[in-house]
Amino acid sequence: GKDGTLFVSLWGASSIAVIKKGEKKPALLPADSHPTEMALSPDGKTLFVACANSTRVNVFDAASGKRVETIHCALHPG
């Protein structure tokens, strides 16, 4: 993030580690199974996390860590 915050996907733990400058222990954001690719919006406010074991993208408020939406990306409903 613009403030030096790092977001690290923890594939096997189904979570995202949020590492902030000056803090000794990272916060963990619960995600769907096997979070892989991530993208931070240009304004740094929204974190998008693609999860490999699903057809979902978890959307987080980057400041609070709250999941605000889950985008379902399946080609076929099911």
Protein backbone atom coordinates (compact mmCIF):
# COMPACT_ATOMS: atom_id res chain seq x y z
CA GLY A 1 0.00 0.00 0.00
CA LYS A 2 0.94 3.64 -0.25
CA ASP A 3 1.60 3.71 3.50
CA GLY A 4 4.09 0.82 3.30
CA THR A 5 1.58 -1.90 4.21
CA LEU A 6 2.36 -5.30 2.67
CA PHE A 7 -0.26 -7.90 1.77
CA VAL A 8 0.95 -11.51 1.57
CA SER A 9 -1.22 -14.41 0.44
CA LEU A 10 -1.00 -17.44 2.73
CA TRP A 11 -2.09 -20.09 0.25
CA GLY A 12 -2.23 -23.02 2.66
CA ALA A 13 -3.81 -21.02 5.49
CA SER A 14 -6.70 -19.51 3.47
CA SER A 15 -5.79 -16.03 4.62
CA ILE A 16 -3.95 -12.82 3.82
CA ALA A 17 -1.23 -11.50 6.14
CA VAL A 18 -1.29 -7.73 6.53
CA ILE A 19 2.12 -6.43 7.58
CA LYS A 20 2.15 -2.78 8.69
CA LYS A 21 5.22 -0.68 9.32
CA GLY A 22 6.21 -0.68 12.97
CA GLU A 23 3.94 -3.55 14.02
CA LYS A 24 5.55 -6.75 15.24
CA LYS A 25 2.76 -9.19 14.37
CA PRO A 26 0.77 -9.26 11.12
CA ALA A 27 -3.01 -9.20 11.07
CA LEU A 28 -4.69 -12.10 9.26
CA LEU A 29 -7.66 -11.64 6.94
CA PRO A 30 -9.73 -14.80 6.36
CA ALA A 31 -10.07 -15.60 2.66
CA ASP A 32 -11.58 -18.39 0.59
CA SER A 33 -9.48 -21.49 -0.01
CA HIS A 34 -6.03 -20.99 -1.56
CA PRO A 35 -5.71 -17.23 -2.10
CA THR A 36 -3.20 -16.60 -4.89
CA GLU A 37 -3.13 -13.51 -7.08
CA MET A 38 -3.82 -10.12 -5.51
CA ALA A 39 -4.31 -6.61 -6.84
CA LEU A 40 -4.53 -3.36 -4.91
CA SER A 41 -6.71 -0.66 -6.47
CA PRO A 42 -4.82 2.42 -7.73
CA ASP A 43 -6.13 4.52 -4.82
CA GLY A 44 -4.94 1.85 -2.34
CA LYS A 45 -8.38 1.44 -0.78
CA THR A 46 -9.46 -1.95 -2.12
CA LEU A 47 -7.64 -5.30 -2.19
CA PHE A 48 -8.80 -7.95 -4.69
CA VAL A 49 -7.80 -11.56 -3.96
CA ALA A 50 -8.32 -14.41 -6.45
CA CYS A 51 -8.75 -17.81 -4.77
CA ALA A 52 -7.46 -20.88 -6.64
CA ASN A 53 -9.87 -23.43 -5.17
CA SER A 54 -12.93 -21.52 -6.27
CA THR A 55 -14.17 -19.22 -8.97
CA ARG A 56 -14.29 -16.32 -6.52
CA VAL A 57 -12.49 -13.07 -5.93
CA ASN A 58 -12.57 -11.78 -2.35
CA VAL A 59 -12.74 -7.99 -2.09
CA PHE A 60 -11.39 -6.32 1.07
CA ASP A 61 -11.36 -2.78 2.38
CA ALA A 62 -7.58 -2.34 2.62
CA ALA A 63 -7.71 0.00 5.62
CA SER A 64 -10.03 -2.00 7.87
CA GLY A 65 -9.37 -5.50 6.51
CA LYS A 66 -13.11 -6.14 6.29
CA ARG A 67 -14.31 -8.29 3.40
CA VAL A 68 -16.80 -6.11 1.56
CA GLU A 69 -17.75 -8.37 -1.33
CA THR A 70 -17.18 -11.72 -3.00
CA ILE A 71 -17.27 -11.75 -6.78
CA HIS A 72 -18.34 -15.06 -8.32
CA CYS A 73 -16.57 -15.60 -11.66
CA ALA A 74 -17.84 -19.02 -12.80
CA LEU A 75 -18.51 -19.45 -16.51
CA HIS A 76 -21.51 -21.63 -15.64
CA PRO A 77 -23.81 -21.32 -12.63
CA GLY A 78 -23.41 -24.09 -10.17
